[in-house]
Amino acid sequence: MSLLATLALAASGAASGAVLPHCSWDKPGVNPFMGDVVAAVDRYTDIPVATRERLKERMKKRDYDELVSIQRDGIKGKAQYGADIRDMHFGANNVCKTVSRAKWTQKAEERGLVYCEENQCILVPTVCRNVSRINRVPARAAAPGGAQNVASSAQDMVEPQAPLDMEPTGAGPLSTPNAPGSFAQVAGGGSGLDGLPGATPGGGSFIPGGVGPGTGPGVGPIVTPSLPPGTVTPPVVPPVVPGIPEPETWALMLGGLLAVGMMARRRKSA
């Protein structure tokens, strides 16, 4: 084989990406898919072309079926899904045929967007954009005697999901959480009360109020101002109330006045 043919085959393999039989998805987000999320659907050649086109069109519009919870032992959503994840894209353009989550903890959880057309479902985890495939389990018929499947009843209790507030997934690296201008950099603030998160020392004291909003009359939390540091509060001295004179005191006062008057009169006559 000539050198040019060898280089052409190597370039073709790099463009199509490697296909691995099995991968362990231990740390979601560590090796995200860096290619075009929408175009990755075309690698699933077993899906009919018309179905792939509908899936790609919906992915461009972010018209997903639902936002599911990816856990170690299953995928939970309003619909029922199989626990297996397969054909996962990662890196530049590589694919893992089967993916294991056996090393996840029981409480580990990731979110993912699901797009389904004619029982062909695409899963796009929001943490790493690793385009993958999952199976949606058909709804079972109602059991005789009014009995109901436990899993079905649990799914019926799921509250309606609000639309996911995020941009459609596309090509390129994920944003760095601590990058300048990111939410982690600009978020801040607090309550501004001592003893509470975000408090400023010396800003005052917190006194719980009465009944909260919507539950009846009352007042909310009250903030009492505090004096500047180093200020000494002077003691409060009660006012002095003069006593009421006794009758003997009045008699002595009148006697003294009479004596003074008599002495003044004698001096004038002399």
Protein backbone atom coordinates (compact mmCIF):
# COMPACT_ATOMS: atom_id res chain seq x y z
CA MET A 1 0.00 0.00 0.00
CA SER A 2 1.37 3.41 -0.92
CA LEU A 3 2.06 6.16 1.59
CA LEU A 4 -0.74 8.32 0.21
CA ALA A 5 -3.28 5.54 0.62
CA THR A 6 -2.14 4.95 4.21
CA LEU A 7 -2.51 8.65 5.05
CA ALA A 8 -5.95 8.73 3.46
CA LEU A 9 -7.14 5.78 5.52
CA ALA A 10 -5.76 7.35 8.71
CA ALA A 11 -7.50 10.64 7.95
CA SER A 12 -10.75 8.82 7.23
CA GLY A 13 -10.55 6.95 10.55
CA ALA A 14 -9.86 10.16 12.49
CA ALA A 15 -12.84 11.87 10.86
CA SER A 16 -15.26 9.03 11.57
CA GLY A 17 -13.94 8.46 15.10
CA ALA A 18 -13.21 5.30 17.01
CA VAL A 19 -15.90 2.82 18.03
CA LEU A 20 -15.35 1.07 21.37
CA PRO A 21 -17.34 -1.99 22.43
CA HIS A 22 -17.76 -0.98 26.07
CA CYS A 23 -17.07 2.06 28.28
CA SER A 24 -17.49 2.89 31.96
CA TRP A 25 -19.21 6.24 32.44
CA ASP A 26 -17.69 6.90 35.88
CA LYS A 27 -17.34 10.69 35.84
CA PRO A 28 -19.97 12.51 33.74
CA GLY A 29 -18.63 15.72 32.27
CA VAL A 30 -14.96 14.69 32.24
CA ASN A 31 -14.91 13.65 28.57
CA PRO A 32 -17.78 15.55 26.88
CA PHE A 33 -18.76 15.24 23.25
CA MET A 34 -17.05 18.05 21.33
CA GLY A 35 -18.72 17.50 17.97
CA ASP A 36 -22.03 18.62 16.50
CA VAL A 37 -24.82 17.22 18.67
CA VAL A 38 -27.45 17.34 15.93
CA ALA A 39 -25.24 15.84 13.22
CA ALA A 40 -24.25 12.98 15.55
CA VAL A 41 -27.68 11.40 14.95
CA ASP A 42 -26.62 10.54 11.38
CA ARG A 43 -24.17 7.95 12.76
CA TYR A 44 -27.15 5.84 13.86
CA THR A 45 -27.61 4.37 10.40
CA ASP A 46 -30.07 1.73 11.62
CA ILE A 47 -32.62 4.51 12.21
CA PRO A 48 -34.60 5.29 9.04
CA VAL A 49 -33.51 8.45 7.27
CA ALA A 50 -36.91 10.13 7.62
CA THR A 51 -36.94 9.43 11.37
CA ARG A 52 -33.42 10.79 11.76
CA GLU A 53 -34.40 13.98 9.96
CA ARG A 54 -37.38 14.52 12.28
CA LEU A 55 -35.17 13.94 15.32
CA LYS A 56 -32.55 16.38 14.06
CA GLU A 57 -35.16 19.03 13.33
CA ARG A 58 -36.57 18.73 16.83
CA MET A 59 -33.11 18.86 18.37
CA LYS A 60 -32.37 22.08 16.50
CA LYS A 61 -35.55 23.61 17.94
CA ARG A 62 -34.92 22.10 21.41
CA ASP A 63 -38.33 20.43 21.10
CA TYR A 64 -37.56 17.60 23.53
CA ASP A 65 -40.10 15.15 24.94
CA GLU A 66 -39.04 15.57 28.53
CA LEU A 67 -36.18 16.16 30.95
CA VAL A 68 -35.29 12.88 32.66
CA SER A 69 -33.23 11.92 35.70
CA ILE A 70 -30.31 9.61 34.89
CA GLN A 71 -29.46 7.45 37.91
CA ARG A 72 -27.25 4.45 38.50
CA ASP A 73 -29.97 1.84 38.14
CA GLY A 74 -32.38 3.51 35.76
CA ILE A 75 -33.69 6.52 33.87
CA LYS A 76 -36.72 8.19 35.45
CA GLY A 77 -39.22 10.41 33.68
CA LYS A 78 -42.89 10.70 32.84
CA ALA A 79 -42.50 7.83 30.39
CA GLN A 80 -40.84 4.50 31.20
CA TYR A 81 -37.36 3.86 29.86
CA GLY A 82 -34.92 0.98 29.93
CA ALA A 83 -31.90 1.41 32.18
CA ASP A 84 -29.32 0.81 29.42
CA ILE A 85 -27.52 3.62 27.61
CA ARG A 86 -25.78 2.75 24.35
CA ASP A 87 -24.00 4.30 21.37
CA MET A 88 -22.69 7.22 23.46
CA HIS A 89 -20.63 9.91 21.72
CA PHE A 90 -17.59 11.32 23.52
CA GLY A 91 -14.46 13.28 22.74
CA ALA A 92 -13.96 14.50 19.17
CA ASN A 93 -16.16 11.92 17.42
CA ASN A 94 -15.81 8.61 19.28
CA VAL A 95 -18.62 6.24 20.16
CA CYS A 96 -19.09 3.61 22.90
CA LYS A 97 -21.48 0.82 21.99
CA THR A 98 -22.45 -0.01 25.61
CA VAL A 99 -22.04 2.23 28.66
CA SER A 100 -21.86 1.18 32.31
CA ARG A 101 -22.84 3.26 35.35
CA ALA A 102 -21.94 0.57 37.89
CA LYS A 103 -19.48 2.84 39.72
CA TRP A 104 -22.07 5.55 40.35
CA THR A 105 -23.27 5.98 43.92
CA GLN A 106 -26.89 5.33 44.81
CA LYS A 107 -27.53 9.08 45.09
CA ALA A 108 -25.70 10.08 41.89
CA GLU A 109 -27.95 11.82 39.38
CA GLU A 110 -27.62 13.64 36.05
CA ARG A 111 -30.24 15.26 33.84
CA GLY A 112 -30.80 14.57 30.18
CA LEU A 113 -33.01 15.67 27.29
CA VAL A 114 -34.99 12.93 25.52
CA TYR A 115 -36.16 13.11 21.90
CA CYS A 116 -38.30 10.21 20.63
CA GLU A 117 -39.66 9.49 17.15
CA GLU A 118 -41.23 6.14 16.24
CA ASN A 119 -39.75 4.44 19.32
CA GLN A 120 -36.27 5.72 18.43
CA CYS A 121 -35.10 7.76 21.44
CA ILE A 122 -32.05 10.03 21.68
CA LEU A 123 -30.65 11.00 25.10
CA VAL A 124 -28.50 14.14 25.47
CA PRO A 125 -27.10 14.51 29.04
CA THR A 126 -26.94 18.21 29.89
CA VAL A 127 -23.65 17.88 31.79
CA CYS A 128 -21.57 16.55 28.90
CA ARG A 129 -23.74 16.50 25.72
CA ASN A 130 -22.79 12.84 25.15
CA VAL A 131 -25.41 12.03 22.49
CA SER A 132 -26.68 8.52 23.24
CA ARG A 133 -29.58 6.15 22.63
CA ILE A 134 -32.09 4.66 25.08
CA ASN A 135 -35.20 2.49 24.82
CA ARG A 136 -38.68 3.66 25.76
CA VAL A 137 -40.79 0.91 27.33
CA PRO A 138 -44.35 0.71 25.92
CA ALA A 139 -47.12 1.41 28.42
CA ARG A 140 -48.64 -1.77 29.80
CA ALA A 141 -52.34 -2.51 29.61
CA ALA A 142 -54.36 -2.11 32.77
CA ALA A 143 -54.40 -5.24 34.96
CA PRO A 144 -57.75 -7.00 35.51
CA GLY A 145 -59.80 -6.18 38.57
CA GLY A 146 -58.78 -2.54 38.63
CA ALA A 147 -55.23 -3.35 39.73
CA GLN A 148 -52.58 -0.88 38.66
CA ASN A 149 -48.87 -1.33 38.08
CA VAL A 150 -46.84 0.27 40.88
CA ALA A 151 -44.35 1.84 38.49
CA SER A 152 -47.17 3.27 36.39
CA SER A 153 -48.87 4.80 39.43
CA ALA A 154 -45.60 6.34 40.54
CA GLN A 155 -45.10 7.87 37.10
CA ASP A 156 -48.62 9.35 37.18
CA MET A 157 -47.71 11.21 40.34
CA VAL A 158 -44.83 13.06 38.69
CA GLU A 159 -45.57 16.76 38.52
CA PRO A 160 -45.58 18.47 35.11
CA GLN A 161 -42.12 19.69 34.18
CA ALA A 162 -41.38 23.28 33.35
CA PRO A 163 -39.45 24.00 30.14
CA LEU A 164 -35.68 23.77 30.56
CA ASP A 165 -34.19 27.25 30.63
CA MET A 166 -31.06 26.63 28.55
CA GLU A 167 -29.79 27.10 25.03
CA PRO A 168 -29.96 24.19 22.56
CA THR A 169 -26.94 21.94 22.75
CA GLY A 170 -24.44 22.41 19.94
CA ALA A 171 -20.82 21.89 19.03
CA GLY A 172 -17.91 23.22 21.04
CA PRO A 173 -16.49 22.87 24.54
CA LEU A 174 -18.56 23.30 27.66
CA SER A 175 -18.30 26.58 29.54
CA THR A 176 -16.01 26.69 32.57
CA PRO A 177 -18.01 27.18 35.81
CA ASN A 178 -15.45 29.60 37.27
CA ALA A 179 -14.77 31.53 34.06
CA PRO A 180 -14.91 35.35 34.25
CA GLY A 181 -18.47 36.56 33.94
CA SER A 182 -19.97 33.19 34.85
CA PHE A 183 -22.70 32.81 37.43
CA ALA A 184 -20.23 31.49 40.00
CA GLN A 185 -18.18 34.69 39.64
CA VAL A 186 -20.99 37.25 39.68
CA ALA A 187 -23.30 35.61 42.22
CA GLY A 188 -23.15 37.04 45.71
CA GLY A 189 -25.08 39.08 48.25
CA GLY A 190 -26.85 37.94 51.35
CA SER A 191 -29.32 38.90 54.00
CA GLY A 192 -27.17 41.59 55.59
CA LEU A 193 -28.13 40.44 59.09
CA ASP A 194 -25.79 39.25 61.84
CA GLY A 195 -25.89 35.53 62.35
CA LEU A 196 -27.46 34.87 58.93
CA PRO A 197 -25.79 33.95 55.63
CA GLY A 198 -24.18 37.00 54.04
CA ALA A 199 -24.34 39.01 57.27
CA THR A 200 -22.16 42.06 57.87
CA PRO A 201 -20.72 42.20 61.43
CA GLY A 202 -22.07 45.08 63.43
CA GLY A 203 -25.04 45.61 61.15
CA GLY A 204 -27.74 44.99 63.75
CA SER A 205 -29.63 42.20 65.45
CA PHE A 206 -32.35 39.91 64.12
CA ILE A 207 -35.64 39.55 65.99
CA PRO A 208 -38.11 36.95 64.67
CA GLY A 209 -41.40 38.54 63.81
CA GLY A 210 -44.97 37.32 63.87
CA VAL A 211 -46.94 35.38 61.31
CA GLY A 212 -45.38 35.24 57.83
CA PRO A 213 -46.96 36.47 54.59
CA GLY A 214 -50.13 34.79 53.48
CA THR A 215 -50.93 33.19 56.85
CA GLY A 216 -52.65 36.07 58.64
CA PRO A 217 -51.83 39.41 60.28
CA GLY A 218 -48.42 39.95 61.72
CA VAL A 219 -45.07 41.50 61.07
CA GLY A 220 -42.01 40.07 59.47
CA PRO A 221 -38.45 40.03 60.83
CA ILE A 222 -37.38 43.27 62.51
CA VAL A 223 -33.86 44.65 62.34
CA THR A 224 -32.89 46.85 65.31
CA PRO A 225 -30.02 49.28 64.71
CA SER A 226 -26.95 48.89 66.89
CA LEU A 227 -24.62 51.61 68.19
CA PRO A 228 -21.18 52.10 66.60
CA PRO A 229 -18.39 49.99 68.12
CA GLY A 230 -16.87 51.53 71.25
CA THR A 231 -19.93 53.59 72.17
CA VAL A 232 -20.77 53.48 75.91
CA THR A 233 -24.42 53.90 76.82
CA PRO A 234 -24.79 56.33 79.80
CA PRO A 235 -26.82 55.06 82.78
CA VAL A 236 -30.38 56.27 83.03
CA VAL A 237 -30.88 58.35 86.24
CA PRO A 238 -34.51 58.59 87.46
CA PRO A 239 -35.78 62.17 88.13
CA VAL A 240 -35.75 63.45 91.76
CA VAL A 241 -39.27 64.22 93.01
CA PRO A 242 -39.33 66.78 95.97
CA GLY A 243 -41.08 65.64 99.12
CA ILE A 244 -44.30 67.24 100.50
CA PRO A 245 -43.64 69.43 103.69
CA GLU A 246 -45.10 68.16 106.97
CA PRO A 247 -47.37 70.44 109.18
CA GLU A 248 -44.49 71.04 111.64
CA THR A 249 -42.36 72.32 108.81
CA TRP A 250 -45.03 74.80 107.79
CA ALA A 251 -45.29 76.03 111.44
CA LEU A 252 -41.55 76.60 111.69
CA MET A 253 -41.53 78.49 108.38
CA LEU A 254 -44.38 80.78 109.50
CA GLY A 255 -42.73 81.36 112.91
CA GLY A 256 -39.48 82.38 111.26
CA LEU A 257 -41.26 84.80 108.95
CA LEU A 258 -43.07 86.42 111.93
CA ALA A 259 -39.83 86.80 113.84
CA VAL A 260 -38.11 88.48 110.90
CA GLY A 261 -41.08 90.85 110.48
CA MET A 262 -41.08 91.85 114.15
CA MET A 263 -37.36 92.58 114.12
CA ALA A 264 -37.73 94.75 111.03
CA ARG A 265 -40.59 96.69 112.66
CA ARG A 266 -38.59 97.40 115.84
CA ARG A 267 -35.72 98.82 113.82
CA LYS A 268 -38.05 101.22 112.02
CA SER A 269 -39.63 102.49 115.33
CA ALA A 270 -36.25 103.00 116.95
